């Protein structure tokens, strides 16, 4: 995954062949904000500009710019995997929740 981070905000970067530029989409916002650039430097500068505009609009409207997360989500998995997870968690003296948190944290570690 191609991510760029500016001031604690992350953006997904993809190439847009229709305009022959890279497009960034800022993630985790309460609304949408994107930007374009041909080089990494240009992309980063446009990221800063787009983020500044988004944050200013949020401030004017009294909106929290970051999407809030509850810390809970449902995960549907095959029963066979559920059984393997339960056994692995028991073997390690952990809950399935703890085992899953550790695996997910490892996947998104910086």
N, C-alpha and C. Protein backbone atom coordinates (compact mmCIF):
# COMPACT_ATOMS: atom_id res chain seq x y z
N UNK A 1 0.85 -1.17 0.00
CA UNK A 1 0.00 0.00 0.00
C UNK A 1 0.90 1.23 0.00
N UNK A 2 0.59 2.20 -0.82
CA UNK A 2 1.36 3.43 -0.92
C UNK A 2 0.71 4.49 -0.05
N UNK A 3 1.34 4.77 1.09
CA UNK A 3 0.83 5.78 2.01
C UNK A 3 1.81 6.93 2.13
N UNK A 4 1.27 8.12 2.29
CA UNK A 4 2.08 9.30 2.56
C UNK A 4 1.48 9.93 3.81
N UNK A 5 2.32 10.38 4.73
CA UNK A 5 1.84 10.97 5.97
C UNK A 5 2.35 12.40 6.10
N UNK A 6 1.44 13.28 6.48
CA UNK A 6 1.76 14.68 6.72
C UNK A 6 1.01 15.11 7.98
N UNK A 7 1.73 15.66 8.93
CA UNK A 7 1.14 16.18 10.16
C UNK A 7 0.19 15.21 10.84
N UNK A 8 0.55 13.93 10.85
CA UNK A 8 -0.27 12.92 11.52
C UNK A 8 -1.46 12.42 10.71
N UNK A 9 -1.62 12.89 9.49
CA UNK A 9 -2.70 12.43 8.61
C UNK A 9 -2.07 11.57 7.52
N UNK A 10 -2.75 10.49 7.14
CA UNK A 10 -2.25 9.59 6.11
C UNK A 10 -3.11 9.69 4.86
N UNK A 11 -2.46 9.50 3.72
CA UNK A 11 -3.17 9.51 2.44
C UNK A 11 -2.74 8.30 1.62
N UNK A 12 -3.70 7.72 0.94
CA UNK A 12 -3.45 6.62 0.00
C UNK A 12 -3.07 7.25 -1.33
N UNK A 13 -1.97 6.80 -1.91
CA UNK A 13 -1.48 7.35 -3.17
C UNK A 13 -1.65 6.32 -4.28
N UNK A 14 -2.25 6.75 -5.38
CA UNK A 14 -2.43 5.89 -6.56
C UNK A 14 -2.14 6.70 -7.82
N UNK A 15 -1.75 6.00 -8.85
CA UNK A 15 -1.53 6.65 -10.14
C UNK A 15 -2.85 6.74 -10.88
N UNK A 16 -3.14 7.92 -11.44
CA UNK A 16 -4.36 8.13 -12.22
C UNK A 16 -3.96 8.31 -13.68
N UNK A 17 -4.12 7.26 -14.50
CA UNK A 17 -3.68 7.35 -15.89
C UNK A 17 -4.48 8.35 -16.74
N UNK A 18 -5.70 8.66 -16.31
CA UNK A 18 -6.51 9.61 -17.08
C UNK A 18 -5.90 11.00 -17.11
N UNK A 19 -5.23 11.39 -16.03
CA UNK A 19 -4.61 12.72 -15.97
C UNK A 19 -3.09 12.65 -15.91
N UNK A 20 -2.55 11.41 -15.95
CA UNK A 20 -1.11 11.17 -15.91
C UNK A 20 -0.47 11.84 -14.70
N UNK A 21 -1.13 11.65 -13.54
CA UNK A 21 -0.62 12.20 -12.28
C UNK A 21 -0.90 11.20 -11.16
N UNK A 22 -0.27 11.45 -10.03
CA UNK A 22 -0.57 10.67 -8.85
C UNK A 22 -1.67 11.37 -8.08
N UNK A 23 -2.60 10.57 -7.54
CA UNK A 23 -3.71 11.10 -6.78
C UNK A 23 -3.59 10.61 -5.35
N UNK A 24 -3.78 11.53 -4.42
CA UNK A 24 -3.78 11.18 -3.01
C UNK A 24 -5.17 11.38 -2.44
N UNK A 25 -5.58 10.46 -1.58
CA UNK A 25 -6.86 10.58 -0.87
C UNK A 25 -6.55 10.51 0.62
N UNK A 26 -6.88 11.58 1.34
CA UNK A 26 -6.60 11.62 2.77
C UNK A 26 -7.59 10.70 3.48
N UNK A 27 -7.06 9.82 4.32
CA UNK A 27 -7.84 8.79 4.97
C UNK A 27 -8.24 9.18 6.40
N UNK A 28 -9.34 8.61 6.87
CA UNK A 28 -9.75 8.80 8.26
C UNK A 28 -10.42 10.13 8.57
N UNK A 29 -10.91 10.80 7.54
CA UNK A 29 -11.55 12.11 7.73
C UNK A 29 -13.06 11.97 7.80
N UNK A 30 -13.71 12.99 8.35
CA UNK A 30 -15.17 13.01 8.39
C UNK A 30 -15.76 13.42 7.05
N UNK A 31 -14.93 13.79 6.13
CA UNK A 31 -15.36 14.14 4.78
C UNK A 31 -14.29 13.71 3.80
N UNK A 32 -14.38 14.18 2.58
CA UNK A 32 -13.41 13.79 1.56
C UNK A 32 -12.43 14.89 1.24
N UNK A 33 -11.19 14.50 1.02
CA UNK A 33 -10.16 15.46 0.61
C UNK A 33 -9.14 14.70 -0.23
N UNK A 34 -8.86 15.23 -1.42
CA UNK A 34 -7.87 14.59 -2.27
C UNK A 34 -6.96 15.65 -2.87
N UNK A 35 -5.94 15.19 -3.58
CA UNK A 35 -4.95 16.09 -4.16
C UNK A 35 -4.20 15.35 -5.25
N UNK A 36 -3.54 16.09 -6.14
CA UNK A 36 -2.80 15.51 -7.26
C UNK A 36 -1.41 16.10 -7.34
N UNK A 37 -0.48 15.32 -7.89
CA UNK A 37 0.87 15.80 -8.12
C UNK A 37 1.62 14.88 -9.07
N UNK A 38 2.63 15.42 -9.73
CA UNK A 38 3.43 14.63 -10.67
C UNK A 38 4.67 14.04 -10.01
N UNK A 39 5.17 14.69 -8.97
CA UNK A 39 6.37 14.22 -8.28
C UNK A 39 6.04 14.06 -6.79
N UNK A 40 6.87 13.33 -6.07
CA UNK A 40 6.63 13.22 -4.62
C UNK A 40 6.62 14.58 -3.91
N UNK A 41 7.50 15.47 -4.33
CA UNK A 41 7.55 16.79 -3.71
C UNK A 41 6.26 17.57 -3.96
N UNK A 42 5.81 17.54 -5.22
CA UNK A 42 4.57 18.22 -5.59
C UNK A 42 3.38 17.59 -4.88
N UNK A 43 3.37 16.29 -4.80
CA UNK A 43 2.29 15.56 -4.13
C UNK A 43 2.22 15.95 -2.65
N UNK A 44 3.38 16.00 -1.99
CA UNK A 44 3.42 16.37 -0.57
C UNK A 44 2.94 17.81 -0.36
N UNK A 45 3.34 18.71 -1.24
CA UNK A 45 2.92 20.12 -1.13
C UNK A 45 1.41 20.24 -1.31
N UNK A 46 0.88 19.51 -2.29
CA UNK A 46 -0.57 19.55 -2.53
C UNK A 46 -1.34 18.88 -1.39
N UNK A 47 -0.75 17.85 -0.79
CA UNK A 47 -1.33 17.21 0.39
C UNK A 47 -1.49 18.26 1.48
N UNK A 48 -0.42 19.01 1.76
CA UNK A 48 -0.47 20.04 2.81
C UNK A 48 -1.55 21.08 2.52
N UNK A 49 -1.64 21.50 1.26
CA UNK A 49 -2.65 22.51 0.88
C UNK A 49 -4.06 21.96 1.06
N UNK A 50 -4.31 20.77 0.56
CA UNK A 50 -5.64 20.16 0.65
C UNK A 50 -6.03 19.94 2.11
N UNK A 51 -5.09 19.48 2.92
CA UNK A 51 -5.35 19.25 4.33
C UNK A 51 -5.65 20.57 5.04
N UNK A 52 -4.90 21.61 4.74
CA UNK A 52 -5.13 22.92 5.36
C UNK A 52 -6.53 23.43 5.04
N UNK A 53 -6.95 23.31 3.79
CA UNK A 53 -8.29 23.75 3.39
C UNK A 53 -9.34 22.94 4.13
N UNK A 54 -9.17 21.62 4.17
CA UNK A 54 -10.14 20.75 4.85
C UNK A 54 -10.24 21.12 6.32
N UNK A 55 -9.10 21.29 6.99
CA UNK A 55 -9.10 21.62 8.41
C UNK A 55 -9.74 22.98 8.68
N UNK A 56 -9.52 23.92 7.79
CA UNK A 56 -10.11 25.26 7.95
C UNK A 56 -11.63 25.19 7.83
N UNK A 57 -12.13 24.45 6.85
CA UNK A 57 -13.58 24.29 6.68
C UNK A 57 -14.19 23.62 7.91
N UNK A 58 -13.51 22.59 8.42
CA UNK A 58 -14.00 21.91 9.62
C UNK A 58 -14.05 22.88 10.80
N UNK A 59 -13.03 23.70 10.93
CA UNK A 59 -12.97 24.67 12.03
C UNK A 59 -14.12 25.67 11.92
N UNK A 60 -14.36 26.17 10.71
CA UNK A 60 -15.44 27.14 10.48
C UNK A 60 -16.80 26.55 10.80
N UNK A 61 -16.98 25.25 10.51
CA UNK A 61 -18.27 24.60 10.71
C UNK A 61 -18.38 23.90 12.07
N UNK A 62 -17.31 23.94 12.86
CA UNK A 62 -17.32 23.29 14.16
C UNK A 62 -17.39 21.78 14.08
N UNK A 63 -16.74 21.22 13.07
CA UNK A 63 -16.75 19.77 12.83
C UNK A 63 -15.39 19.19 13.20
N UNK A 64 -15.40 18.03 13.86
CA UNK A 64 -14.15 17.32 14.13
C UNK A 64 -13.66 16.76 12.80
N UNK A 65 -12.42 17.07 12.39
CA UNK A 65 -11.95 16.61 11.08
C UNK A 65 -11.72 15.11 10.99
N UNK A 66 -11.40 14.48 12.11
CA UNK A 66 -11.11 13.04 12.09
C UNK A 66 -12.36 12.24 12.37
N UNK A 67 -12.53 11.18 11.61
CA UNK A 67 -13.62 10.24 11.83
C UNK A 67 -13.37 9.57 13.18
N UNK A 68 -14.43 9.35 13.95
CA UNK A 68 -14.25 8.68 15.24
C UNK A 68 -14.51 7.18 15.08
N UNK A 69 -13.81 6.41 15.88
CA UNK A 69 -13.93 4.96 15.85
C UNK A 69 -14.26 4.46 17.25
N UNK A 70 -15.14 3.50 17.34
CA UNK A 70 -15.60 2.99 18.63
C UNK A 70 -14.63 2.01 19.27
N UNK A 71 -13.75 1.43 18.47
CA UNK A 71 -12.87 0.40 18.99
C UNK A 71 -13.49 -0.99 18.90
N UNK A 72 -14.64 -1.07 18.26
CA UNK A 72 -15.32 -2.36 18.10
C UNK A 72 -15.67 -2.56 16.64
N UNK A 73 -15.54 -3.80 16.17
CA UNK A 73 -16.03 -4.16 14.84
C UNK A 73 -16.31 -5.65 14.82
N UNK A 74 -17.21 -6.05 13.99
CA UNK A 74 -17.55 -7.47 13.84
C UNK A 74 -16.71 -8.07 12.73
N UNK A 75 -16.26 -9.27 12.98
CA UNK A 75 -15.44 -9.95 12.00
C UNK A 75 -16.05 -11.33 11.74
N UNK A 76 -16.35 -11.59 10.49
CA UNK A 76 -16.92 -12.89 10.12
C UNK A 76 -15.81 -13.74 9.52
N UNK A 77 -15.62 -14.92 10.09
CA UNK A 77 -14.59 -15.82 9.62
C UNK A 77 -15.17 -17.23 9.52
N UNK A 78 -14.55 -18.10 8.75
CA UNK A 78 -15.04 -19.48 8.65
C UNK A 78 -14.93 -20.18 10.02
N UNK A 79 -15.86 -21.05 10.32
CA UNK A 79 -15.84 -21.78 11.59
C UNK A 79 -14.51 -22.51 11.85
N UNK A 80 -13.90 -23.02 10.79
CA UNK A 80 -12.63 -23.73 10.95
C UNK A 80 -11.53 -22.80 11.47
N UNK A 81 -11.50 -21.59 10.95
CA UNK A 81 -10.52 -20.60 11.41
C UNK A 81 -10.83 -20.18 12.84
N UNK A 82 -12.09 -20.02 13.16
CA UNK A 82 -12.51 -19.67 14.51
C UNK A 82 -11.99 -20.72 15.50
N UNK A 83 -12.15 -21.99 15.14
CA UNK A 83 -11.69 -23.07 16.01
C UNK A 83 -10.17 -23.01 16.19
N UNK A 84 -9.44 -22.80 15.10
CA UNK A 84 -7.98 -22.73 15.18
C UNK A 84 -7.53 -21.55 16.05
N UNK A 85 -8.22 -20.43 15.91
CA UNK A 85 -7.89 -19.26 16.73
C UNK A 85 -8.16 -19.52 18.21
N UNK A 86 -9.29 -20.15 18.48
CA UNK A 86 -9.64 -20.45 19.87
C UNK A 86 -8.60 -21.37 20.49
N UNK A 87 -8.16 -22.37 19.77
CA UNK A 87 -7.16 -23.30 20.28
C UNK A 87 -5.82 -22.60 20.47
N UNK A 88 -5.42 -21.79 19.48
CA UNK A 88 -4.15 -21.06 19.59
C UNK A 88 -4.18 -20.10 20.78
N UNK A 89 -5.30 -19.40 20.96
CA UNK A 89 -5.43 -18.46 22.08
C UNK A 89 -5.35 -19.20 23.41
N UNK A 90 -6.06 -20.31 23.53
CA UNK A 90 -6.01 -21.11 24.75
C UNK A 90 -4.59 -21.58 25.03
N UNK A 91 -3.91 -22.04 24.01
CA UNK A 91 -2.55 -22.55 24.16
C UNK A 91 -1.61 -21.46 24.67
N UNK A 92 -1.87 -20.21 24.29
CA UNK A 92 -1.02 -19.10 24.73
C UNK A 92 -1.55 -18.43 26.00
N UNK A 93 -2.68 -18.94 26.52
CA UNK A 93 -3.26 -18.35 27.73
C UNK A 93 -3.84 -16.98 27.48
N UNK A 94 -4.36 -16.76 26.28
CA UNK A 94 -4.91 -15.47 25.89
C UNK A 94 -6.34 -15.65 25.41
N UNK A 95 -7.04 -14.53 25.31
CA UNK A 95 -8.36 -14.56 24.69
C UNK A 95 -8.19 -14.44 23.17
N UNK A 96 -9.23 -14.82 22.44
CA UNK A 96 -9.20 -14.64 20.98
C UNK A 96 -9.05 -13.15 20.66
N UNK A 97 -9.71 -12.31 21.44
CA UNK A 97 -9.64 -10.87 21.23
C UNK A 97 -8.19 -10.38 21.33
N UNK A 98 -7.48 -10.82 22.36
CA UNK A 98 -6.09 -10.41 22.54
C UNK A 98 -5.22 -10.92 21.40
N UNK A 99 -5.42 -12.16 21.02
CA UNK A 99 -4.66 -12.73 19.91
C UNK A 99 -4.91 -11.95 18.62
N UNK A 100 -6.17 -11.61 18.37
CA UNK A 100 -6.52 -10.84 17.17
C UNK A 100 -5.93 -9.44 17.22
N UNK A 101 -5.99 -8.79 18.39
CA UNK A 101 -5.40 -7.44 18.53
C UNK A 101 -3.91 -7.47 18.20
N UNK A 102 -3.22 -8.46 18.72
CA UNK A 102 -1.78 -8.56 18.47
C UNK A 102 -1.49 -8.77 16.99
N UNK A 103 -2.26 -9.63 16.34
CA UNK A 103 -2.05 -9.88 14.91
C UNK A 103 -2.35 -8.64 14.08
N UNK A 104 -3.43 -7.94 14.42
CA UNK A 104 -3.79 -6.73 13.69
C UNK A 104 -2.76 -5.63 13.92
N UNK A 105 -2.30 -5.47 15.15
CA UNK A 105 -1.29 -4.45 15.45
C UNK A 105 0.01 -4.73 14.69
N UNK A 106 0.38 -6.00 14.59
CA UNK A 106 1.58 -6.36 13.85
C UNK A 106 1.43 -6.02 12.36
N UNK A 107 0.23 -6.20 11.84
CA UNK A 107 -0.02 -5.94 10.41
C UNK A 107 0.09 -4.46 10.07
N UNK A 108 -0.29 -3.58 10.97
CA UNK A 108 -0.28 -2.15 10.68
C UNK A 108 0.87 -1.41 11.36
N UNK A 109 1.81 -2.14 11.97
CA UNK A 109 2.94 -1.52 12.65
C UNK A 109 3.74 -0.67 11.69
N UNK A 110 4.26 0.43 12.21
CA UNK A 110 5.08 1.35 11.39
C UNK A 110 6.46 0.79 11.16
